[in-house]
Amino acid sequence: MIIQQPDGNYTFIKSTGPFSSGCRAQPGYEIVYATFHPLPPLEKGYDLIARHLQDLARPIQALCGMELRIPRPLSPQGFAEFNEPYGKRLADWNILVDGLNPTARTNVALAVHPVAEPSMYGFSYTVPTDHDRPTFVLSGAAEIRRSEKGSEIVSHGDVSTQGLSQKAQYILQTLESRLEELTVAWTDVTTVELYTVHNMHPLLETVLLPGVASGSQHGLRWHYARPPVTEVECEMGARGVYQECVLPS
């Protein structure tokens, strides 16, 4: 289901979780993708985002995506507890739409040189534009299959090449369905992200690059990191933007 965030000038895919599945800028606006260097602690990151948008004369509701880093993967209960203050912050900013969080999100744990505390890696926001090219951000998707009966991990515990292939194929199908919901395609993708600590090299030519179609023309960014919930092995995300920047923290 596509819903509007009218104050932020974008639409988003409704999700059952504490973030949307992805968002797309409305006509007359585009999404800008920004990262921090070095990575600020989460609370300082919130303040920096608010200040940056204020400097651009953009409302806080223009915030449409967040990227976080955590020290280590969390249990499902720990992940739910982590999301409570996160959701409250966005509610306090009056970003929610009918109780739904419209912002996309990726949240992973670095396997080497991990952050000492939850930190802000980057964020996305809308600005006015005079071009009509679509811009969008998808939330990170993992190998978790959800249904009315609950959720299950695809090829649970299997990190062989075959198991990773099944996980990757499911994730790519998820991303493609999100692109379709936003009425964009792999041809509009400018960046594809991969988050895992497992050997995906055997799958590059057979699964990953063919799966992202022409999105592979910009390469594949591999982050040596783990998804935020224990026992989940792989995550991927994608975006299509024309402005990216690095901000000091």
Protein backbone atom coordinates (compact mmCIF):
# COMPACT_ATOMS: atom_id res chain seq x y z
CA MET A 1 0.00 0.00 0.00
CA ILE A 2 1.38 3.40 -1.05
CA ILE A 3 0.69 6.26 1.37
CA GLN A 4 1.59 9.96 1.19
CA GLN A 5 3.67 11.90 3.70
CA PRO A 6 2.29 15.26 2.51
CA ASP A 7 4.45 17.43 4.76
CA GLY A 8 7.60 15.61 3.66
CA ASN A 9 6.78 15.55 -0.08
CA TYR A 10 7.14 11.80 -0.58
CA THR A 11 5.13 8.59 -0.66
CA PHE A 12 5.98 5.37 1.17
CA ILE A 13 5.22 1.67 1.22
CA LYS A 14 3.23 0.69 4.30
CA SER A 15 4.98 -1.87 6.47
CA THR A 16 4.07 -3.75 9.63
CA GLY A 17 7.41 -2.91 11.24
CA PRO A 18 8.83 0.25 12.87
CA PHE A 19 9.76 1.68 9.46
CA SER A 20 8.40 1.68 5.93
CA SER A 21 9.57 -0.66 3.18
CA GLY A 22 10.67 2.25 1.02
CA CYS A 23 9.81 5.74 -0.16
CA ARG A 24 9.77 7.85 -3.32
CA ALA A 25 9.88 11.61 -3.75
CA GLN A 26 6.77 13.29 -5.11
CA PRO A 27 6.88 15.29 -8.37
CA GLY A 28 8.78 18.53 -7.92
CA TYR A 29 11.05 16.98 -5.26
CA GLU A 30 13.99 14.63 -5.11
CA ILE A 31 15.62 12.55 -2.39
CA VAL A 32 19.15 13.41 -1.26
CA TYR A 33 21.27 10.76 0.47
CA ALA A 34 23.74 11.88 3.17
CA THR A 35 26.23 10.03 5.38
CA PHE A 36 28.25 11.15 8.38
CA HIS A 37 32.00 10.99 8.95
CA PRO A 38 32.87 10.09 11.59
CA LEU A 39 29.72 8.34 12.78
CA PRO A 40 28.01 10.24 15.62
CA PRO A 41 26.20 8.53 18.50
CA LEU A 42 22.51 8.14 17.82
CA GLU A 43 21.27 11.05 19.95
CA LYS A 44 23.82 13.44 18.47
CA GLY A 45 22.89 12.15 15.02
CA TYR A 46 19.26 13.09 15.58
CA ASP A 47 20.34 16.63 16.49
CA LEU A 48 22.60 16.89 13.44
CA ILE A 49 19.79 15.77 11.13
CA ALA A 50 17.38 18.32 12.58
CA ARG A 51 19.98 21.09 12.25
CA HIS A 52 20.86 20.13 8.67
CA LEU A 53 17.23 20.21 7.56
CA GLN A 54 16.70 23.50 9.37
CA ASP A 55 19.71 25.00 7.56
CA LEU A 56 18.15 23.93 4.26
CA ALA A 57 14.80 25.46 5.26
CA ARG A 58 13.24 22.00 5.01
CA PRO A 59 10.71 20.69 7.55
CA ILE A 60 11.75 17.77 9.75
CA GLN A 61 9.05 15.77 7.94
CA ALA A 62 11.30 15.87 4.85
CA LEU A 63 13.32 13.13 6.57
CA CYS A 64 12.47 9.95 4.66
CA GLY A 65 15.26 7.48 5.46
CA MET A 66 17.68 6.56 8.24
CA GLU A 67 20.76 4.33 8.35
CA LEU A 68 21.96 3.12 11.73
CA ARG A 69 24.87 1.08 13.06
CA ILE A 70 24.68 -0.95 16.28
CA PRO A 71 27.46 -2.68 18.26
CA ARG A 72 26.14 -6.22 17.74
CA PRO A 73 23.06 -8.08 16.46
CA LEU A 74 20.15 -8.18 18.89
CA SER A 75 17.66 -10.84 19.89
CA PRO A 76 14.15 -10.31 18.50
CA GLN A 77 13.09 -8.95 21.90
CA GLY A 78 16.18 -6.73 22.08
CA PHE A 79 15.46 -5.43 18.59
CA ALA A 80 11.89 -4.55 19.58
CA GLU A 81 13.17 -2.74 22.67
CA PHE A 82 15.71 -0.84 20.57
CA ASN A 83 12.96 0.34 18.22
CA GLU A 84 10.76 1.82 20.97
CA PRO A 85 12.74 5.04 21.59
CA TYR A 86 13.49 5.24 17.85
CA GLY A 87 9.78 5.25 17.06
CA LYS A 88 9.10 7.74 19.84
CA ARG A 89 11.66 10.15 18.42
CA LEU A 90 9.95 10.15 15.03
CA ALA A 91 6.56 10.50 16.69
CA ASP A 92 7.85 13.51 18.65
CA TRP A 93 9.00 15.00 15.35
CA ASN A 94 5.45 14.56 14.03
CA ILE A 95 6.70 12.44 11.12
CA LEU A 96 4.27 9.54 11.55
CA VAL A 97 1.27 9.30 9.23
CA ASP A 98 -1.82 7.86 10.96
CA GLY A 99 0.49 6.11 13.39
CA LEU A 100 2.67 4.64 10.63
CA ASN A 101 6.39 5.34 10.33
CA PRO A 102 6.95 6.52 6.73
CA THR A 103 10.77 6.55 6.80
CA ALA A 104 12.85 3.79 5.22
CA ARG A 105 15.62 2.26 7.35
CA THR A 106 18.72 0.09 7.30
CA ASN A 107 20.32 -0.96 10.60
CA VAL A 108 23.32 -3.30 10.72
CA ALA A 109 26.21 -4.31 12.99
CA LEU A 110 29.74 -3.86 11.64
CA ALA A 111 31.80 -7.04 12.05
CA VAL A 112 35.17 -5.24 12.10
CA HIS A 113 35.72 -2.00 14.05
CA PRO A 114 32.14 -2.03 15.36
CA VAL A 115 30.64 1.08 16.87
CA ALA A 116 30.79 1.29 20.66
CA GLU A 117 27.17 2.45 20.89
CA PRO A 118 24.22 2.82 18.50
CA SER A 119 25.28 5.38 15.90
CA MET A 120 23.90 7.29 12.92
CA TYR A 121 25.45 6.28 9.61
CA GLY A 122 23.31 8.43 7.36
CA PHE A 123 19.89 9.67 6.35
CA SER A 124 17.77 10.66 3.35
CA TYR A 125 15.57 13.69 2.84
CA THR A 126 13.58 15.47 0.17
CA VAL A 127 14.38 18.82 -1.46
CA PRO A 128 12.72 20.76 -4.30
CA THR A 129 14.00 19.95 -7.78
CA ASP A 130 13.36 20.97 -11.37
CA HIS A 131 13.96 17.54 -12.92
CA ASP A 132 11.42 14.74 -13.27
CA ARG A 133 13.65 11.72 -12.71
CA PRO A 134 12.38 9.39 -9.97
CA THR A 135 14.34 9.22 -6.72
CA PHE A 136 13.71 6.66 -3.98
CA VAL A 137 15.18 4.70 -1.09
CA LEU A 138 14.37 1.11 -0.13
CA SER A 139 14.69 -0.22 3.39
CA GLY A 140 17.17 -3.01 3.95
CA ALA A 141 15.57 -6.39 3.22
CA ALA A 142 16.68 -9.62 4.88
CA GLU A 143 15.85 -13.27 4.26
CA ILE A 144 12.79 -13.21 6.51
CA ARG A 145 9.61 -14.54 4.92
CA ARG A 146 6.48 -13.16 6.57
CA SER A 147 2.97 -14.57 6.33
CA GLU A 148 -0.26 -14.65 8.31
CA LYS A 149 1.21 -17.56 10.31
CA GLY A 150 4.23 -15.50 11.38
CA SER A 151 7.76 -15.18 10.04
CA GLU A 152 10.53 -17.59 9.15
CA ILE A 153 14.15 -17.27 8.07
CA VAL A 154 14.78 -18.60 4.56
CA SER A 155 17.28 -21.50 4.70
CA HIS A 156 17.60 -20.99 8.44
CA GLY A 157 21.13 -21.75 9.64
CA ASP A 158 22.37 -22.74 6.18
CA VAL A 159 25.31 -20.55 5.10
CA SER A 160 26.53 -22.92 2.40
CA THR A 161 26.63 -21.55 -1.14
CA GLN A 162 23.27 -23.18 -1.80
CA GLY A 163 21.74 -21.75 1.37
CA LEU A 164 23.10 -18.28 0.69
CA SER A 165 21.80 -18.50 -2.86
CA GLN A 166 18.28 -19.17 -1.61
CA LYS A 167 18.54 -16.30 0.84
CA ALA A 168 19.83 -13.90 -1.83
CA GLN A 169 17.15 -14.89 -4.33
CA TYR A 170 14.42 -14.25 -1.80
CA ILE A 171 15.89 -10.85 -0.86
CA LEU A 172 16.18 -9.82 -4.51
CA GLN A 173 12.54 -10.78 -5.10
CA THR A 174 11.57 -8.65 -2.10
CA LEU A 175 13.50 -5.64 -3.39
CA GLU A 176 12.04 -6.04 -6.87
CA SER A 177 8.49 -6.11 -5.51
CA ARG A 178 9.22 -2.88 -3.60
CA LEU A 179 10.54 -1.23 -6.74
CA GLU A 180 7.36 -2.22 -8.54
CA GLU A 181 5.21 -0.77 -5.75
CA LEU A 182 7.05 2.53 -6.11
CA THR A 183 6.60 2.30 -9.93
CA VAL A 184 10.36 2.34 -10.55
CA ALA A 185 12.73 -0.36 -11.83
CA TRP A 186 16.31 -1.60 -11.60
CA THR A 187 17.12 0.81 -14.43
CA ASP A 188 16.42 3.64 -11.97
CA VAL A 189 18.70 2.24 -9.24
CA THR A 190 22.00 4.05 -8.66
CA THR A 191 23.29 2.08 -5.64
CA VAL A 192 22.85 -1.51 -4.42
CA GLU A 193 24.05 -2.37 -0.92
CA LEU A 194 24.92 -5.83 0.47
CA TYR A 195 25.32 -6.53 4.19
CA THR A 196 26.76 -9.90 5.22
CA VAL A 197 29.89 -11.55 6.60
CA HIS A 198 29.48 -14.67 4.48
CA ASN A 199 31.21 -15.55 1.22
CA MET A 200 28.93 -14.22 -1.51
CA HIS A 201 31.63 -14.20 -4.19
CA PRO A 202 30.44 -17.46 -5.82
CA LEU A 203 27.01 -15.86 -6.23
CA LEU A 204 28.10 -12.61 -7.87
CA GLU A 205 27.87 -13.81 -11.48
CA THR A 206 25.06 -16.31 -10.97
CA VAL A 207 22.61 -14.61 -8.58
CA LEU A 208 23.48 -11.15 -7.28
CA LEU A 209 24.50 -9.15 -10.36
CA PRO A 210 21.94 -10.80 -12.68
CA GLY A 211 19.33 -10.24 -9.97
CA VAL A 212 19.81 -6.48 -9.88
CA ALA A 213 19.83 -6.30 -13.69
CA SER A 214 21.11 -2.97 -15.01
CA GLY A 215 21.49 -1.77 -11.42
CA SER A 216 24.77 -3.71 -11.50
CA GLN A 217 26.27 -1.11 -13.86
CA HIS A 218 27.15 0.93 -10.78
CA GLY A 219 28.64 -2.07 -8.99
CA LEU A 220 27.68 -3.61 -5.69
CA ARG A 221 28.67 -2.09 -2.32
CA TRP A 222 29.52 -4.87 0.11
CA HIS A 223 29.49 -3.90 3.79
CA TYR A 224 31.14 -6.50 6.02
CA ALA A 225 28.34 -6.37 8.55
CA ARG A 226 25.59 -8.45 10.08
CA PRO A 227 21.84 -7.75 10.00
CA PRO A 228 20.44 -6.35 13.26
CA VAL A 229 18.72 -9.54 14.47
CA THR A 230 20.56 -12.72 15.48
CA GLU A 231 20.38 -15.74 13.14
CA VAL A 232 19.65 -13.52 10.13
CA GLU A 233 22.63 -13.77 7.77
CA CYS A 234 22.14 -11.38 4.86
CA GLU A 235 20.53 -8.07 4.01
CA MET A 236 20.37 -5.90 0.91
CA GLY A 237 19.12 -2.43 0.07
CA ALA A 238 18.91 -0.13 -2.94
CA ARG A 239 18.28 3.48 -3.85
CA GLY A 240 18.05 5.76 -6.83
CA VAL A 241 19.31 9.28 -6.14
CA TYR A 242 21.24 12.01 -7.98
CA GLN A 243 22.70 13.81 -4.99
CA GLU A 244 24.85 12.24 -2.29
CA CYS A 245 26.96 14.02 0.31
CA VAL A 246 29.15 13.35 3.34
CA LEU A 247 28.58 15.54 6.37
CA PRO A 248 30.97 16.17 9.27
CA SER A 249 29.74 15.23 12.71
